Amino acid sequence: MEDLAVISTKFVLEDNSPIISVFKDNEGDWQFFGKEKDITEEDARVISLGEVLKIDQSIKDILTLNNGSHAWREAVGEEWKIEKYDE
């Protein structure tokens, strides 16, 4: 599973923005975002889930997220909140 390709942003990878928002879409694809708004396609980066886990071990707490779900928190160290969302 750690070899799974996922989407993140240059802000998380290059600027050390903390991961505070995670989406698992209806097809099972993962997206990991920091606090930035108005993310563009040019800001996206494809990395492995293993790389995400190296950045933030607390992601392990939400690996059972169902497809079509969103997990978020206000800051690193806070508990993840989870909800279903409509694409």
Protein backbone atom coordinates (compact mmCIF):
# COMPACT_ATOMS: atom_id res chain seq x y z
CA MET A 1 0.00 0.00 0.00
CA GLU A 2 2.91 2.38 0.62
CA ASP A 3 3.71 2.29 -3.13
CA LEU A 4 0.24 3.64 -3.94
CA ALA A 5 0.38 6.87 -6.00
CA VAL A 6 -1.42 9.78 -4.31
CA ILE A 7 -1.86 13.50 -4.93
CA SER A 8 -0.43 16.20 -2.71
CA THR A 9 0.82 19.74 -3.31
CA LYS A 10 4.10 21.55 -3.70
CA PHE A 11 3.22 23.36 -0.47
CA VAL A 12 3.25 20.11 1.55
CA LEU A 13 6.34 18.75 -0.20
CA GLU A 14 8.46 21.85 -0.70
CA ASP A 15 7.23 24.32 1.95
CA ASN A 16 6.53 21.84 4.78
CA SER A 17 2.89 22.88 5.01
CA PRO A 18 1.19 20.54 7.52
CA ILE A 19 -1.35 18.07 6.12
CA ILE A 20 -4.72 19.14 7.52
CA SER A 21 -7.14 17.96 4.81
CA VAL A 22 -7.38 14.51 3.22
CA PHE A 23 -9.83 13.31 0.58
CA LYS A 24 -10.42 9.74 -0.58
CA ASP A 25 -12.61 10.05 -3.67
CA ASN A 26 -15.28 7.64 -4.82
CA GLU A 27 -12.72 5.68 -6.88
CA GLY A 28 -10.40 5.30 -3.89
CA ASP A 29 -7.83 7.90 -4.96
CA TRP A 30 -6.18 9.88 -2.13
CA GLN A 31 -5.42 13.62 -1.97
CA PHE A 32 -3.44 15.32 0.82
CA PHE A 33 -3.55 19.08 1.34
CA GLY A 34 -2.13 21.71 3.66
CA LYS A 35 -3.79 24.93 4.76
CA GLU A 36 -3.46 26.70 1.40
CA LYS A 37 -6.55 27.81 -0.54
CA ASP A 38 -7.06 28.10 -4.30
CA ILE A 39 -4.76 25.21 -5.23
CA THR A 40 -4.13 25.00 -8.97
CA GLU A 41 -3.28 22.01 -11.13
CA GLU A 42 0.30 23.32 -11.36
CA ASP A 43 0.57 23.03 -7.55
CA ALA A 44 -0.24 19.29 -7.61
CA ARG A 45 2.41 16.64 -7.10
CA VAL A 46 2.13 12.84 -7.45
CA ILE A 47 3.96 10.98 -4.70
CA SER A 48 3.65 7.64 -2.91
CA LEU A 49 1.58 7.01 0.18
CA GLY A 50 4.82 5.95 1.84
CA GLU A 51 6.23 9.45 1.26
CA VAL A 52 3.11 10.94 2.86
CA LEU A 53 3.57 8.69 5.90
CA LYS A 54 7.18 9.89 6.22
CA ILE A 55 5.87 13.47 6.31
CA ASP A 56 3.09 12.74 8.83
CA GLN A 57 2.77 9.44 10.72
CA SER A 58 -0.73 10.40 11.99
CA ILE A 59 -2.06 9.65 8.49
CA LYS A 60 -1.99 6.00 9.65
CA ASP A 61 -4.99 6.88 11.84
CA ILE A 62 -7.18 7.52 8.77
CA LEU A 63 -6.03 4.83 6.32
CA THR A 64 -9.38 3.09 6.81
CA LEU A 65 -11.19 6.12 5.38
CA ASN A 66 -14.08 5.04 3.14
CA ASN A 67 -14.26 6.09 -0.49
CA GLY A 68 -16.05 9.42 -0.86
CA SER A 69 -14.82 10.71 2.51
CA HIS A 70 -12.99 13.79 3.77
CA ALA A 71 -10.84 13.94 6.90
CA TRP A 72 -9.66 17.24 8.33
CA ARG A 73 -8.22 18.88 11.42
CA GLU A 74 -7.35 22.39 12.50
CA ALA A 75 -3.67 21.61 13.16
CA VAL A 76 -1.16 18.79 13.47
CA GLY A 77 -1.70 16.89 16.70
CA GLU A 78 -5.44 17.46 16.75
CA GLU A 79 -7.93 14.64 16.21
CA TRP A 80 -9.08 13.94 12.66
CA LYS A 81 -12.75 14.67 11.89
CA ILE A 82 -14.34 12.60 9.12
CA GLU A 83 -17.38 13.13 6.91
CA LYS A 84 -18.81 11.83 3.65
CA TYR A 85 -18.83 14.34 0.81
CA ASP A 86 -20.50 14.71 -2.56
CA GLU A 87 -18.19 15.04 -5.55
